[in-house]
Amino acid sequence: MPKARRTTHRSTAGKKLYAVRDAGGKFKDIQTYERAHRADLAAKSKAEVAKAGKKKAGKKKAAKKKVARKKTAKKA
């Protein structure tokens, strides 16, 4: 599904806003630039997820064996 086209606006306070419009041209969603940009960076594409999955499937580290420590006798 393609990402909705966003237009930029400025609020009365001067903040940068992203606005998404529906087919009728009415505002569907308005977000601050900072919030939308942070969400864009956090989201992973299908290609990134698939690539990460291939790396994990190919490399598995063997579990380390736990070695029991020798108990020392206490001297009185």
PDB file of N, CA and C in Angstrom:
ATOM      1  N   MET A   1       0.843  -1.173   0.000  1.00  0.00           N
ATOM      2  CA  MET A   1       0.000   0.000   0.000  1.00  0.00           C
ATOM      3  C   MET A   1       0.889   1.239   0.000  1.00  0.00           C
ATOM      4  N   PRO A   2       0.705   2.149  -0.957  1.00  0.00           N
ATOM      5  CA  PRO A   2       1.552   3.321  -1.015  1.00  0.00           C
ATOM      6  C   PRO A   2       1.259   4.289   0.131  1.00  0.00           C
ATOM      7  N   LYS A   3       2.290   5.000   0.537  1.00  0.00           N
ATOM      8  CA  LYS A   3       2.144   5.967   1.616  1.00  0.00           C
ATOM      9  C   LYS A   3       1.338   7.162   1.121  1.00  0.00           C
ATOM     10  N   ALA A   4       0.479   7.690   1.971  1.00  0.00           N
ATOM     11  CA  ALA A   4      -0.344   8.840   1.597  1.00  0.00           C
ATOM     12  C   ALA A   4       0.548  10.055   1.373  1.00  0.00           C
ATOM     13  N   ARG A   5       0.194  10.839   0.387  1.00  0.00           N
ATOM     14  CA  ARG A   5       0.960  12.039   0.089  1.00  0.00           C
ATOM     15  C   ARG A   5       0.653  13.096   1.139  1.00  0.00           C
ATOM     16  N   ARG A   6       1.687  13.676   1.708  1.00  0.00           N
ATOM     17  CA  ARG A   6       1.507  14.666   2.766  1.00  0.00           C
ATOM     18  C   ARG A   6       1.940  16.034   2.277  1.00  0.00           C
ATOM     19  N   THR A   7       1.188  17.021   2.674  1.00  0.00           N
ATOM     20  CA  THR A   7       1.563  18.404   2.373  1.00  0.00           C
ATOM     21  C   THR A   7       1.979  19.069   3.675  1.00  0.00           C
ATOM     22  N   THR A   8       2.849  20.063   3.593  1.00  0.00           N
ATOM     23  CA  THR A   8       3.319  20.745   4.797  1.00  0.00           C
ATOM     24  C   THR A   8       2.584  22.066   4.967  1.00  0.00           C
ATOM     25  N   HIS A   9       2.328  22.390   6.220  1.00  0.00           N
ATOM     26  CA  HIS A   9       1.684  23.646   6.601  1.00  0.00           C
ATOM     27  C   HIS A   9       2.393  24.171   7.831  1.00  0.00           C
ATOM     28  N   ARG A  10       2.050  25.379   8.230  1.00  0.00           N
ATOM     29  CA  ARG A  10       2.565  25.952   9.480  1.00  0.00           C
ATOM     30  C   ARG A  10       1.387  26.266  10.391  1.00  0.00           C
ATOM     31  N   SER A  11       1.540  25.941  11.670  1.00  0.00           N
ATOM     32  CA  SER A  11       0.501  26.274  12.637  1.00  0.00           C
ATOM     33  C   SER A  11       0.631  27.744  13.005  1.00  0.00           C
ATOM     34  N   THR A  12      -0.326  28.258  13.770  1.00  0.00           N
ATOM     35  CA  THR A  12      -0.254  29.660  14.190  1.00  0.00           C
ATOM     36  C   THR A  12       0.919  29.886  15.132  1.00  0.00           C
ATOM     37  N   ALA A  13       1.351  28.819  15.819  1.00  0.00           N
ATOM     38  CA  ALA A  13       2.509  28.916  16.710  1.00  0.00           C
ATOM     39  C   ALA A  13       3.822  28.805  15.944  1.00  0.00           C
ATOM     40  N   GLY A  14       3.740  28.465  14.648  1.00  0.00           N
ATOM     41  CA  GLY A  14       4.946  28.369  13.832  1.00  0.00           C
ATOM     42  C   GLY A  14       5.486  26.963  13.679  1.00  0.00           C
ATOM     43  N   LYS A  15       4.785  25.984  14.237  1.00  0.00           N
ATOM     44  CA  LYS A  15       5.233  24.583  14.118  1.00  0.00           C
ATOM     45  C   LYS A  15       4.942  24.068  12.714  1.00  0.00           C
ATOM     46  N   LYS A  16       5.827  23.202  12.227  1.00  0.00           N
ATOM     47  CA  LYS A  16       5.635  22.593  10.919  1.00  0.00           C
ATOM     48  C   LYS A  16       4.677  21.420  11.066  1.00  0.00           C
ATOM     49  N   LEU A  17       3.684  21.326  10.180  1.00  0.00           N
ATOM     50  CA  LEU A  17       2.672  20.276  10.231  1.00  0.00           C
ATOM     51  C   LEU A  17       2.643  19.504   8.928  1.00  0.00           C
ATOM     52  N   TYR A  18       2.303  18.216   9.037  1.00  0.00           N
ATOM     53  CA  TYR A  18       2.029  17.392   7.867  1.00  0.00           C
ATOM     54  C   TYR A  18       0.521  17.180   7.824  1.00  0.00           C
ATOM     55  N   ALA A  19      -0.083  17.353   6.662  1.00  0.00           N
ATOM     56  CA  ALA A  19      -1.513  17.134   6.500  1.00  0.00           C
ATOM     57  C   ALA A  19      -1.740  16.118   5.395  1.00  0.00           C
ATOM     58  N   VAL A  20      -2.654  15.174   5.647  1.00  0.00           N
ATOM     59  CA  VAL A  20      -3.053  14.171   4.658  1.00  0.00           C
ATOM     60  C   VAL A  20      -4.507  14.446   4.316  1.00  0.00           C
ATOM     61  N   ARG A  21      -4.812  14.463   3.033  1.00  0.00           N
ATOM     62  CA  ARG A  21      -6.183  14.731   2.597  1.00  0.00           C
ATOM     63  C   ARG A  21      -6.820  13.458   2.042  1.00  0.00           C
ATOM     64  N   ASP A  22      -8.139  13.369   2.154  1.00  0.00           N
ATOM     65  CA  ASP A  22      -8.859  12.239   1.573  1.00  0.00           C
ATOM     66  C   ASP A  22      -9.163  12.528   0.110  1.00  0.00           C
ATOM     67  N   ALA A  23      -9.883  11.630  -0.548  1.00  0.00           N
ATOM     68  CA  ALA A  23     -10.172  11.779  -1.980  1.00  0.00           C
ATOM     69  C   ALA A  23     -10.983  13.042  -2.258  1.00  0.00           C
ATOM     70  N   GLY A  24     -11.792  13.461  -1.287  1.00  0.00           N
ATOM     71  CA  GLY A  24     -12.611  14.659  -1.467  1.00  0.00           C
ATOM     72  C   GLY A  24     -11.851  15.950  -1.245  1.00  0.00           C
ATOM     73  N   GLY A  25     -10.624  15.859  -0.786  1.00  0.00           N
ATOM     74  CA  GLY A  25      -9.810  17.047  -0.543  1.00  0.00           C
ATOM     75  C   GLY A  25      -9.889  17.571   0.878  1.00  0.00           C
ATOM     76  N   LYS A  26     -10.665  16.903   1.740  1.00  0.00           N
ATOM     77  CA  LYS A  26     -10.771  17.325   3.132  1.00  0.00           C
ATOM     78  C   LYS A  26      -9.614  16.738   3.930  1.00  0.00           C
ATOM     79  N   PHE A  27      -9.251  17.419   5.015  1.00  0.00           N
ATOM     80  CA  PHE A  27      -8.168  16.927   5.856  1.00  0.00           C
ATOM     81  C   PHE A  27      -8.577  15.626   6.525  1.00  0.00           C
ATOM     82  N   LYS A  28      -7.726  14.619   6.363  1.00  0.00           N
ATOM     83  CA  LYS A  28      -7.968  13.301   6.958  1.00  0.00           C
ATOM     84  C   LYS A  28      -7.150  13.168   8.238  1.00  0.00           C
ATOM     85  N   ASP A  29      -5.917  13.665   8.207  1.00  0.00           N
ATOM     86  CA  ASP A  29      -5.016  13.527   9.346  1.00  0.00           C
ATOM     87  C   ASP A  29      -4.035  14.686   9.341  1.00  0.00           C
ATOM     88  N   ILE A  30      -3.802  15.276  10.514  1.00  0.00           N
ATOM     89  CA  ILE A  30      -2.799  16.332  10.651  1.00  0.00           C
ATOM     90  C   ILE A  30      -1.903  15.964  11.823  1.00  0.00           C
ATOM     91  N   GLN A  31      -0.592  15.964  11.579  1.00  0.00           N
ATOM     92  CA  GLN A  31       0.386  15.659  12.626  1.00  0.00           C
ATOM     93  C   GLN A  31       1.500  16.685  12.595  1.00  0.00           C
ATOM     94  N   THR A  32       2.181  16.839  13.733  1.00  0.00           N
ATOM     95  CA  THR A  32       3.354  17.703  13.741  1.00  0.00           C
ATOM     96  C   THR A  32       4.464  16.998  12.974  1.00  0.00           C
ATOM     97  N   TYR A  33       5.346  17.771  12.398  1.00  0.00           N
ATOM     98  CA  TYR A  33       6.448  17.220  11.608  1.00  0.00           C
ATOM     99  C   TYR A  33       7.310  16.304  12.462  1.00  0.00           C
ATOM    100  N   GLU A  34       7.621  16.719  13.701  1.00  0.00           N
ATOM    101  CA  GLU A  34       8.512  15.931  14.563  1.00  0.00           C
ATOM    102  C   GLU A  34       7.940  14.540  14.820  1.00  0.00           C
ATOM    103  N   ARG A  35       6.652  14.489  15.131  1.00  0.00           N
ATOM    104  CA  ARG A  35       6.025  13.209  15.451  1.00  0.00           C
ATOM    105  C   ARG A  35       5.963  12.294  14.224  1.00  0.00           C
ATOM    106  N   ALA A  36       5.590  12.851  13.080  1.00  0.00           N
ATOM    107  CA  ALA A  36       5.488  12.060  11.860  1.00  0.00           C
ATOM    108  C   ALA A  36       6.865  11.579  11.401  1.00  0.00           C
ATOM    109  N   HIS A  37       7.860  12.442  11.506  1.00  0.00           N
ATOM    110  CA  HIS A  37       9.216  12.085  11.073  1.00  0.00           C
ATOM    111  C   HIS A  37       9.791  10.980  11.953  1.00  0.00           C
ATOM    112  N   ARG A  38       9.570  11.083  13.266  1.00  0.00           N
ATOM    113  CA  ARG A  38      10.054  10.061  14.203  1.00  0.00           C
ATOM    114  C   ARG A  38       9.406   8.716  13.897  1.00  0.00           C
ATOM    115  N   ALA A  39       8.105   8.716  13.577  1.00  0.00           N
ATOM    116  CA  ALA A  39       7.402   7.476  13.245  1.00  0.00           C
ATOM    117  C   ALA A  39       7.930   6.892  11.939  1.00  0.00           C
ATOM    118  N   ASP A  40       8.250   7.758  10.971  1.00  0.00           N
ATOM    119  CA  ASP A  40       8.803   7.287   9.695  1.00  0.00           C
ATOM    120  C   ASP A  40      10.144   6.594   9.900  1.00  0.00           C
ATOM    121  N   LEU A  41      10.984   7.161  10.769  1.00  0.00           N
ATOM    122  CA  LEU A  41      12.301   6.572  11.015  1.00  0.00           C
ATOM    123  C   LEU A  41      12.187   5.255  11.780  1.00  0.00           C
ATOM    124  N   ALA A  42      11.219   5.148  12.652  1.00  0.00           N
ATOM    125  CA  ALA A  42      11.058   3.932  13.454  1.00  0.00           C
ATOM    126  C   ALA A  42      10.473   2.779  12.642  1.00  0.00           C
ATOM    127  N   ALA A  43       9.686   3.091  11.624  1.00  0.00           N
ATOM    128  CA  ALA A  43       9.043   2.045  10.817  1.00  0.00           C
ATOM    129  C   ALA A  43      10.060   1.353   9.925  1.00  0.00           C
ATOM    130  N   LYS A  44       9.931   0.053   9.796  1.00  0.00           N
ATOM    131  CA  LYS A  44      10.827  -0.729   8.943  1.00  0.00           C
ATOM    132  C   LYS A  44      10.067  -1.164   7.694  1.00  0.00           C
ATOM    133  N   SER A  45      10.749  -1.137   6.562  1.00  0.00           N
ATOM    134  CA  SER A  45      10.132  -1.581   5.318  1.00  0.00           C
ATOM    135  C   SER A  45      10.148  -3.105   5.250  1.00  0.00           C
ATOM    136  N   LYS A  46       9.379  -3.661   4.318  1.00  0.00           N
ATOM    137  CA  LYS A  46       9.347  -5.111   4.151  1.00  0.00           C
ATOM    138  C   LYS A  46      10.729  -5.647   3.802  1.00  0.00           C
ATOM    139  N   ALA A  47      11.483  -4.884   2.989  1.00  0.00           N
ATOM    140  CA  ALA A  47      12.817  -5.317   2.590  1.00  0.00           C
ATOM    141  C   ALA A  47      13.763  -5.357   3.789  1.00  0.00           C
ATOM    142  N   GLU A  48      13.660  -4.362   4.680  1.00  0.00           N
ATOM    143  CA  GLU A  48      14.527  -4.330   5.865  1.00  0.00           C
ATOM    144  C   GLU A  48      14.210  -5.488   6.805  1.00  0.00           C
ATOM    145  N   VAL A  49      12.935  -5.778   6.971  1.00  0.00           N
ATOM    146  CA  VAL A  49      12.525  -6.877   7.853  1.00  0.00           C
ATOM    147  C   VAL A  49      13.007  -8.209   7.283  1.00  0.00           C
ATOM    148  N   ALA A  50      12.868  -8.397   5.964  1.00  0.00           N
ATOM    149  CA  ALA A  50      13.293  -9.643   5.326  1.00  0.00           C
ATOM    150  C   ALA A  50      14.809  -9.817   5.431  1.00  0.00           C
ATOM    151  N   LYS A  51      15.544  -8.731   5.249  1.00  0.00           N
ATOM    152  CA  LYS A  51      17.001  -8.784   5.324  1.00  0.00           C
ATOM    153  C   LYS A  51      17.450  -9.138   6.739  1.00  0.00           C
ATOM    154  N   ALA A  52      16.812  -8.547   7.746  1.00  0.00           N
ATOM    155  CA  ALA A  52      17.149  -8.836   9.133  1.00  0.00           C
ATOM    156  C   ALA A  52      16.832 -10.293   9.464  1.00  0.00           C
ATOM    157  N   GLY A  53      15.755 -10.823   8.910  1.00  0.00           N
ATOM    158  CA  GLY A  53      15.376 -12.216   9.146  1.00  0.00           C
ATOM    159  C   GLY A  53      16.380 -13.187   8.567  1.00  0.00           C
ATOM    160  N   LYS A  54      16.941 -12.849   7.403  1.00  0.00           N
ATOM    161  CA  LYS A  54      17.947 -13.713   6.772  1.00  0.00           C
ATOM    162  C   LYS A  54      19.221 -13.751   7.596  1.00  0.00           C
ATOM    163  N   LYS A  55      19.618 -12.614   8.146  1.00  0.00           N
ATOM    164  CA  LYS A  55      20.837 -12.570   8.961  1.00  0.00           C
ATOM    165  C   LYS A  55      20.683 -13.436  10.203  1.00  0.00           C
ATOM    166  N   LYS A  56      19.539 -13.348  10.859  1.00  0.00           N
ATOM    167  CA  LYS A  56      19.313 -14.113  12.085  1.00  0.00           C
ATOM    168  C   LYS A  56      19.222 -15.602  11.807  1.00  0.00           C
ATOM    169  N   ALA A  57      18.640 -15.985  10.687  1.00  0.00           N
ATOM    170  CA  ALA A  57      18.465 -17.403  10.366  1.00  0.00           C
ATOM    171  C   ALA A  57      19.804 -18.062  10.050  1.00  0.00           C
ATOM    172  N   GLY A  58      20.715 -17.329   9.455  1.00  0.00           N
ATOM    173  CA  GLY A  58      21.991 -17.892   9.047  1.00  0.00           C
ATOM    174  C   GLY A  58      22.994 -18.039  10.175  1.00  0.00           C
ATOM    175  N   LYS A  59      22.937 -17.142  11.128  1.00  0.00           N
ATOM    176  CA  LYS A  59      23.924 -17.157  12.205  1.00  0.00           C
ATOM    177  C   LYS A  59      23.266 -17.465  13.535  1.00  0.00           C
ATOM    178  N   LYS A  60      23.632 -18.598  14.097  1.00  0.00           N
ATOM    179  CA  LYS A  60      23.179 -18.937  15.434  1.00  0.00           C
ATOM    180  C   LYS A  60      24.409 -19.265  16.265  1.00  0.00           C
ATOM    181  N   LYS A  61      24.508 -18.612  17.393  1.00  0.00           N
ATOM    182  CA  LYS A  61      25.644 -18.875  18.265  1.00  0.00           C
ATOM    183  C   LYS A  61      25.312 -20.047  19.181  1.00  0.00           C
ATOM    184  N   ALA A  62      26.310 -20.884  19.405  1.00  0.00           N
ATOM    185  CA  ALA A  62      26.137 -22.011  20.310  1.00  0.00           C
ATOM    186  C   ALA A  62      26.115 -21.492  21.741  1.00  0.00           C
ATOM    187  N   ALA A  63      25.276 -22.086  22.552  1.00  0.00           N
ATOM    188  CA  ALA A  63      25.174 -21.672  23.944  1.00  0.00           C
ATOM    189  C   ALA A  63      26.440 -22.105  24.680  1.00  0.00           C
ATOM    190  N   LYS A  64      26.924 -21.227  25.526  1.00  0.00           N
ATOM    191  CA  LYS A  64      28.120 -21.553  26.305  1.00  0.00           C
ATOM    192  C   LYS A  64      27.743 -22.488  27.444  1.00  0.00           C
ATOM    193  N   LYS A  65      28.640 -23.436  27.713  1.00  0.00           N
ATOM    194  CA  LYS A  65      28.404 -24.362  28.811  1.00  0.00           C
ATOM    195  C   LYS A  65      28.767 -23.669  30.114  1.00  0.00           C
ATOM    196  N   LYS A  66      27.956 -23.918  31.117  1.00  0.00           N
ATOM    197  CA  LYS A  66      28.246 -23.359  32.429  1.00  0.00           C
ATOM    198  C   LYS A  66      29.179 -24.318  33.154  1.00  0.00           C
ATOM    199  N   VAL A  67      30.246 -23.779  33.687  1.00  0.00           N
ATOM    200  CA  VAL A  67      31.233 -24.582  34.392  1.00  0.00           C
ATOM    201  C   VAL A  67      30.997 -24.432  35.895  1.00  0.00           C
ATOM    202  N   ALA A  68      30.908 -25.570  36.577  1.00  0.00           N
ATOM    203  CA  ALA A  68      30.696 -25.536  38.025  1.00  0.00           C
ATOM    204  C   ALA A  68      31.995 -25.136  38.708  1.00  0.00           C
ATOM    205  N   ARG A  69      31.876 -24.264  39.665  1.00  0.00           N
ATOM    206  CA  ARG A  69      33.077 -23.837  40.411  1.00  0.00           C
ATOM    207  C   ARG A  69      33.327 -24.786  41.576  1.00  0.00           C
ATOM    208  N   LYS A  70      34.607 -24.933  41.867  1.00  0.00           N
ATOM    209  CA  LYS A  70      34.993 -25.783  42.985  1.00  0.00           C
ATOM    210  C   LYS A  70      34.690 -25.073  44.295  1.00  0.00           C
ATOM    211  N   LYS A  71      34.158 -25.837  45.222  1.00  0.00           N
ATOM    212  CA  LYS A  71      33.880 -25.271  46.533  1.00  0.00           C
ATOM    213  C   LYS A  71      35.124 -25.409  47.387  1.00  0.00           C
ATOM    214  N   THR A  72      35.467 -24.329  48.054  1.00  0.00           N
ATOM    215  CA  THR A  72      36.655 -24.357  48.914  1.00  0.00           C
ATOM    216  C   THR A  72      36.209 -24.506  50.358  1.00  0.00           C
ATOM    217  N   ALA A  73      36.969 -25.285  51.131  1.00  0.00           N
ATOM    218  CA  ALA A  73      36.645 -25.495  52.535  1.00  0.00           C
ATOM    219  C   ALA A  73      37.075 -24.269  53.326  1.00  0.00           C
ATOM    220  N   LYS A  74      36.218 -23.852  54.252  1.00  0.00           N
ATOM    221  CA  LYS A  74      36.532 -22.693  55.083  1.00  0.00           C
ATOM    222  C   LYS A  74      37.502 -23.120  56.191  1.00  0.00           C
ATOM    223  N   LYS A  75      38.497 -22.303  56.412  1.00  0.00           N
ATOM    224  CA  LYS A  75      39.458 -22.589  57.491  1.00  0.00           C
ATOM    225  C   LYS A  75      39.014 -21.870  58.739  1.00  0.00           C
ATOM    226  N   ALA A  76      39.125 -22.561  59.858  1.00  0.00           N
ATOM    227  CA  ALA A  76      38.693 -21.988  61.146  1.00  0.00           C
ATOM    228  C   ALA A  76      39.734 -21.143  61.781  1.00  0.00           C
TER     229      ALA A  76
END
